[in-house]
Amino acid sequence: MSLPIRSTSNIALDNPSKSLLYAKHGFGKTYTARYYAEAYGKGLILSGEAGLKSLQDVEIDYVSFTAWEDASGTDGVAFKDVLKMMKSPDFKAKSYRWIMVDSLTELCDLIFKHYDKVHEKSNGFAVWADYGKAVEGTLRMMRDQNDYHICFTCLAKEEVDANGRTEYWPAIQQSKMAKKVPALFDNVFAGAKIPGKSAGGTPIAQRVIYTDEINGWHGKVRDPNGVVRPMEETSNIVEIIQRIQIGEKK
């Protein structure tokens, strides 16, 4: 038996990307779907936050998820049913180019709520064990969708470490999982607002993307050609992804 040996030089940079964008309220995380639509065409938003007003002037398909396993009595669907739907021929026939989950924060809350109810008469270890398996399994399943660009949005939360330093992590249930999640993505974009000035000199809150470990934020990119700066003066993560894919600096 021979090993199926391949060369890393044959890995295509333009394969669909798997990205996480985390930021505080008001950064424009949901608005990012507009950038995906402009760059890649037809896409689908899996919405758990009912906050799509920033996209009212564009036509993008969406599905509302309101539970992890049982959405009866709600006007949405269970996320587990969405995962099953994505494997169907009917879904493939829709020819989506990208899928956004808005947001991971809400999805994790629903997963925790489900298993907290399932194990309500048990100890908390079973809740956290099932929760962790469900979150990691879902992210791996979505990551392995080779036909689509995948983007998860997520709120950011502050955490003060033992040295009094403020760090910013994805805002999901369980601190251990929040620190594990970034490893499951090709790119982790940390969105922040910093003091800036308009063209006329008026003070403004400038949106930036951190793509490295900066100012307590935990960004990363898979950028073999080194075309991305540690801080990008943009809120458009798709523009950054496309530069990585063509291997050219801005």
Protein backbone atom coordinates (compact mmCIF):
# COMPACT_ATOMS: atom_id res chain seq x y z
CA MET A 1 0.00 0.00 0.00
CA SER A 2 1.40 3.41 -0.98
CA LEU A 3 0.73 6.65 0.86
CA PRO A 4 -1.31 9.33 -1.00
CA ILE A 5 1.53 11.87 -0.83
CA ARG A 6 0.77 15.36 -2.16
CA SER A 7 2.68 18.63 -2.36
CA THR A 8 1.73 21.71 -0.35
CA SER A 9 2.60 23.80 -3.43
CA ASN A 10 -0.57 22.48 -5.07
CA ILE A 11 -2.88 23.89 -2.39
CA ALA A 12 -4.93 26.60 -4.07
CA LEU A 13 -5.08 29.98 -2.36
CA ASP A 14 -8.39 30.71 -4.05
CA ASN A 15 -10.24 27.85 -2.36
CA PRO A 16 -13.32 29.00 -0.43
CA SER A 17 -12.29 30.71 2.80
CA LYS A 18 -13.52 29.92 6.31
CA SER A 19 -13.54 33.07 8.43
CA LEU A 20 -14.66 34.42 11.79
CA LEU A 21 -15.38 38.11 12.29
CA TYR A 22 -15.77 39.14 15.91
CA ALA A 23 -16.36 42.67 17.13
CA LYS A 24 -18.41 44.69 19.58
CA HIS A 25 -21.96 45.92 18.95
CA GLY A 26 -22.21 48.51 16.19
CA PHE A 27 -19.14 47.50 14.20
CA GLY A 28 -21.15 46.36 11.17
CA LYS A 29 -20.76 42.59 11.37
CA THR A 30 -24.05 41.79 9.64
CA TYR A 31 -23.32 44.42 6.98
CA THR A 32 -20.42 42.19 5.91
CA ALA A 33 -22.92 40.00 4.04
CA ARG A 34 -23.15 42.85 1.52
CA TYR A 35 -19.42 42.54 0.80
CA TYR A 36 -19.75 38.79 0.23
CA ALA A 37 -22.66 39.33 -2.15
CA GLU A 38 -20.78 42.00 -4.10
CA ALA A 39 -17.68 39.81 -4.43
CA TYR A 40 -19.09 36.33 -4.87
CA GLY A 41 -22.73 36.64 -5.88
CA LYS A 42 -25.52 34.47 -4.52
CA GLY A 43 -25.32 33.64 -0.83
CA LEU A 44 -27.32 32.65 2.23
CA ILE A 45 -27.49 34.15 5.71
CA LEU A 46 -28.33 31.86 8.63
CA SER A 47 -29.72 34.48 10.97
CA GLY A 48 -30.16 33.97 14.69
CA GLU A 49 -30.41 37.62 15.70
CA ALA A 50 -33.27 39.06 13.60
CA GLY A 51 -31.03 42.01 12.85
CA LEU A 52 -30.93 42.27 9.07
CA LYS A 53 -32.09 45.88 8.69
CA SER A 54 -28.68 46.97 7.39
CA LEU A 55 -29.32 44.74 4.36
CA GLN A 56 -32.85 45.86 3.48
CA ASP A 57 -31.76 47.44 0.20
CA VAL A 58 -30.13 44.26 -1.17
CA GLU A 59 -31.60 40.87 -2.05
CA ILE A 60 -29.93 38.09 -0.08
CA ASP A 61 -31.60 34.82 0.92
CA TYR A 62 -31.80 34.09 4.63
CA VAL A 63 -33.12 31.47 7.03
CA SER A 64 -33.91 32.32 10.66
CA PHE A 65 -32.80 29.78 13.27
CA THR A 66 -34.43 29.93 16.68
CA ALA A 67 -33.29 26.73 18.38
CA TRP A 68 -30.59 24.11 18.31
CA GLU A 69 -32.74 20.99 18.02
CA ASP A 70 -36.45 21.79 18.37
CA ALA A 71 -37.89 25.01 16.96
CA SER A 72 -41.55 24.05 17.37
CA GLY A 73 -43.68 26.99 18.47
CA THR A 74 -41.35 29.52 16.86
CA ASP A 75 -41.25 31.15 13.44
CA GLY A 76 -37.78 29.80 12.71
CA VAL A 77 -36.00 26.49 12.26
CA ALA A 78 -33.60 24.40 14.32
CA PHE A 79 -29.94 24.83 13.42
CA LYS A 80 -29.44 21.06 13.38
CA ASP A 81 -32.10 20.90 10.64
CA VAL A 82 -30.18 23.56 8.71
CA LEU A 83 -27.06 21.39 8.85
CA LYS A 84 -29.04 18.46 7.46
CA MET A 85 -30.57 20.67 4.77
CA MET A 86 -27.12 21.76 3.61
CA LYS A 87 -26.29 18.15 2.69
CA SER A 88 -29.32 17.76 0.43
CA PRO A 89 -29.31 17.84 -3.41
CA ASP A 90 -31.98 20.58 -3.30
CA PHE A 91 -29.66 22.82 -1.34
CA LYS A 92 -26.73 22.13 -3.65
CA ALA A 93 -28.96 23.03 -6.61
CA LYS A 94 -29.41 26.56 -5.27
CA SER A 95 -25.80 27.28 -6.26
CA TYR A 96 -24.89 29.43 -3.27
CA ARG A 97 -21.33 30.75 -3.29
CA TRP A 98 -21.15 31.80 0.35
CA ILE A 99 -22.89 31.21 3.69
CA MET A 100 -22.86 33.51 6.70
CA VAL A 101 -23.91 32.49 10.22
CA ASP A 102 -25.05 35.57 12.11
CA SER A 103 -24.12 34.97 14.82
CA LEU A 104 -21.98 32.40 16.60
CA THR A 105 -22.83 34.12 19.88
CA GLU A 106 -26.53 33.43 19.40
CA LEU A 107 -25.95 29.89 18.14
CA CYS A 108 -23.85 28.99 21.17
CA ASP A 109 -26.49 30.43 23.49
CA LEU A 110 -29.12 28.20 21.86
CA ILE A 111 -26.90 25.12 22.07
CA PHE A 112 -26.19 25.75 25.75
CA LYS A 113 -29.87 26.40 26.46
CA HIS A 114 -30.79 23.09 24.82
CA TYR A 115 -28.34 20.94 26.77
CA ASP A 116 -28.98 22.79 30.02
CA LYS A 117 -32.61 21.70 29.66
CA VAL A 118 -31.69 18.14 28.64
CA HIS A 119 -29.47 17.72 31.70
CA GLU A 120 -31.50 19.84 34.13
CA LYS A 121 -31.46 17.09 36.76
CA SER A 122 -27.81 16.17 36.21
CA ASN A 123 -24.57 17.85 37.12
CA GLY A 124 -23.11 20.60 34.99
CA PHE A 125 -20.32 18.47 33.55
CA ALA A 126 -22.70 16.72 31.15
CA VAL A 127 -24.08 20.08 29.98
CA TRP A 128 -20.66 21.48 29.18
CA ALA A 129 -19.47 18.24 27.58
CA ASP A 130 -22.42 18.05 25.17
CA TYR A 131 -22.27 21.77 24.53
CA GLY A 132 -18.59 21.60 23.63
CA LYS A 133 -19.10 18.63 21.29
CA ALA A 134 -21.99 20.37 19.53
CA VAL A 135 -20.17 23.67 19.05
CA GLU A 136 -16.93 22.13 17.84
CA GLY A 137 -18.74 19.59 15.66
CA THR A 138 -20.83 22.32 14.03
CA LEU A 139 -17.83 24.52 13.30
CA ARG A 140 -15.88 21.61 11.84
CA MET A 141 -18.82 20.60 9.67
CA MET A 142 -19.20 24.15 8.37
CA ARG A 143 -15.46 24.50 7.89
CA ASP A 144 -15.39 21.39 5.73
CA GLN A 145 -18.00 22.76 3.30
CA ASN A 146 -15.68 23.05 0.30
CA ASP A 147 -18.26 24.54 -2.06
CA TYR A 148 -18.84 27.77 -0.13
CA HIS A 149 -17.06 30.66 1.49
CA ILE A 150 -18.08 30.44 5.16
CA CYS A 151 -18.27 33.39 7.54
CA PHE A 152 -19.35 33.38 11.18
CA THR A 153 -19.96 36.67 12.93
CA CYS A 154 -19.60 36.91 16.68
CA LEU A 155 -19.75 39.50 19.42
CA ALA A 156 -16.54 40.34 21.27
CA LYS A 157 -16.19 40.22 25.04
CA GLU A 158 -13.59 41.75 27.32
CA GLU A 159 -11.56 39.65 29.70
CA VAL A 160 -8.92 40.92 32.14
CA ASP A 161 -5.99 38.53 32.57
CA ALA A 162 -3.88 37.92 35.67
CA ASN A 163 -1.61 40.83 34.74
CA GLY A 164 -4.48 43.30 34.48
CA ARG A 165 -4.33 43.33 30.68
CA THR A 166 -7.62 43.55 28.81
CA GLU A 167 -8.10 40.96 26.11
CA TYR A 168 -10.92 40.54 23.61
CA TRP A 169 -12.27 37.10 22.74
CA PRO A 170 -15.30 35.76 20.87
CA ALA A 171 -18.36 36.17 23.11
CA ILE A 172 -19.62 32.62 23.48
CA GLN A 173 -20.56 30.43 26.41
CA GLN A 174 -17.53 28.99 28.28
CA SER A 175 -14.21 30.81 28.26
CA LYS A 176 -12.29 27.66 27.31
CA MET A 177 -14.38 27.25 24.16
CA ALA A 178 -14.03 30.94 23.26
CA LYS A 179 -10.25 30.49 23.17
CA LYS A 180 -10.45 27.23 21.23
CA VAL A 181 -12.79 28.43 18.49
CA PRO A 182 -10.30 30.64 16.57
CA ALA A 183 -8.16 27.59 15.76
CA LEU A 184 -11.03 26.17 13.69
CA PHE A 185 -10.95 28.98 11.10
CA ASP A 186 -8.58 29.95 8.30
CA ASN A 187 -8.97 33.59 9.22
CA VAL A 188 -9.99 35.33 12.42
CA PHE A 189 -10.75 39.00 11.84
CA ALA A 190 -11.01 41.17 14.95
CA GLY A 191 -13.05 44.28 14.23
CA ALA A 192 -12.51 47.37 16.35
CA LYS A 193 -13.16 51.10 16.38
CA ILE A 194 -10.22 53.40 17.05
CA PRO A 195 -9.98 57.22 17.20
CA GLY A 196 -9.55 58.76 13.76
CA LYS A 197 -10.30 61.85 11.73
CA SER A 198 -12.43 62.51 8.68
CA ALA A 199 -11.04 64.13 5.52
CA GLY A 200 -12.08 67.47 7.03
CA GLY A 201 -10.32 66.81 10.31
CA THR A 202 -13.41 65.97 12.38
CA PRO A 203 -12.82 63.29 15.02
CA ILE A 204 -14.48 59.97 14.09
CA ALA A 205 -14.48 56.36 15.18
CA GLN A 206 -12.47 54.59 12.50
CA ARG A 207 -13.22 50.92 11.84
CA VAL A 208 -10.19 48.66 11.54
CA ILE A 209 -9.54 44.94 11.26
CA TYR A 210 -6.81 43.32 13.35
CA THR A 211 -5.32 40.27 11.65
CA ASP A 212 -2.75 39.50 14.35
CA GLU A 213 -2.34 39.63 18.14
CA ILE A 214 -2.70 43.38 18.72
CA ASN A 215 -3.99 45.47 21.63
CA GLY A 216 -5.52 42.44 23.29
CA TRP A 217 -7.36 41.31 20.15
CA HIS A 218 -6.69 37.85 18.72
CA GLY A 219 -6.68 37.98 14.96
CA LYS A 220 -4.99 35.63 12.51
CA VAL A 221 -4.87 34.99 8.77
CA ARG A 222 -3.49 32.19 6.63
CA ASP A 223 -1.42 34.43 4.42
CA PRO A 224 1.59 32.58 2.95
CA ASN A 225 2.62 35.53 0.78
CA GLY A 226 2.51 38.09 3.60
CA VAL A 227 0.18 40.51 1.82
CA VAL A 228 -1.94 41.42 4.86
CA ARG A 229 -0.94 44.01 7.44
CA PRO A 230 -1.46 43.35 11.19
CA MET A 231 -3.98 46.21 11.22
CA GLU A 232 -6.05 46.91 8.12
CA GLU A 233 -7.85 50.26 7.87
CA THR A 234 -11.08 48.77 6.56
CA SER A 235 -14.17 46.94 7.76
CA ASN A 236 -14.38 44.86 4.58
CA ILE A 237 -12.95 41.44 5.37
CA VAL A 238 -13.74 40.18 1.86
CA GLU A 239 -11.30 42.66 0.36
CA ILE A 240 -8.63 41.22 2.66
CA ILE A 241 -9.56 37.63 1.76
CA GLN A 242 -9.31 38.39 -1.95
CA ARG A 243 -5.86 39.92 -1.54
CA ILE A 244 -4.71 36.75 0.21
CA GLN A 245 -6.15 34.69 -2.63
CA ILE A 246 -4.31 36.56 -5.38
CA GLY A 247 -1.19 37.05 -3.27
CA GLU A 248 -0.83 40.76 -3.95
CA LYS A 249 -0.30 43.60 -1.51
CA LYS A 250 -2.64 46.58 -1.53
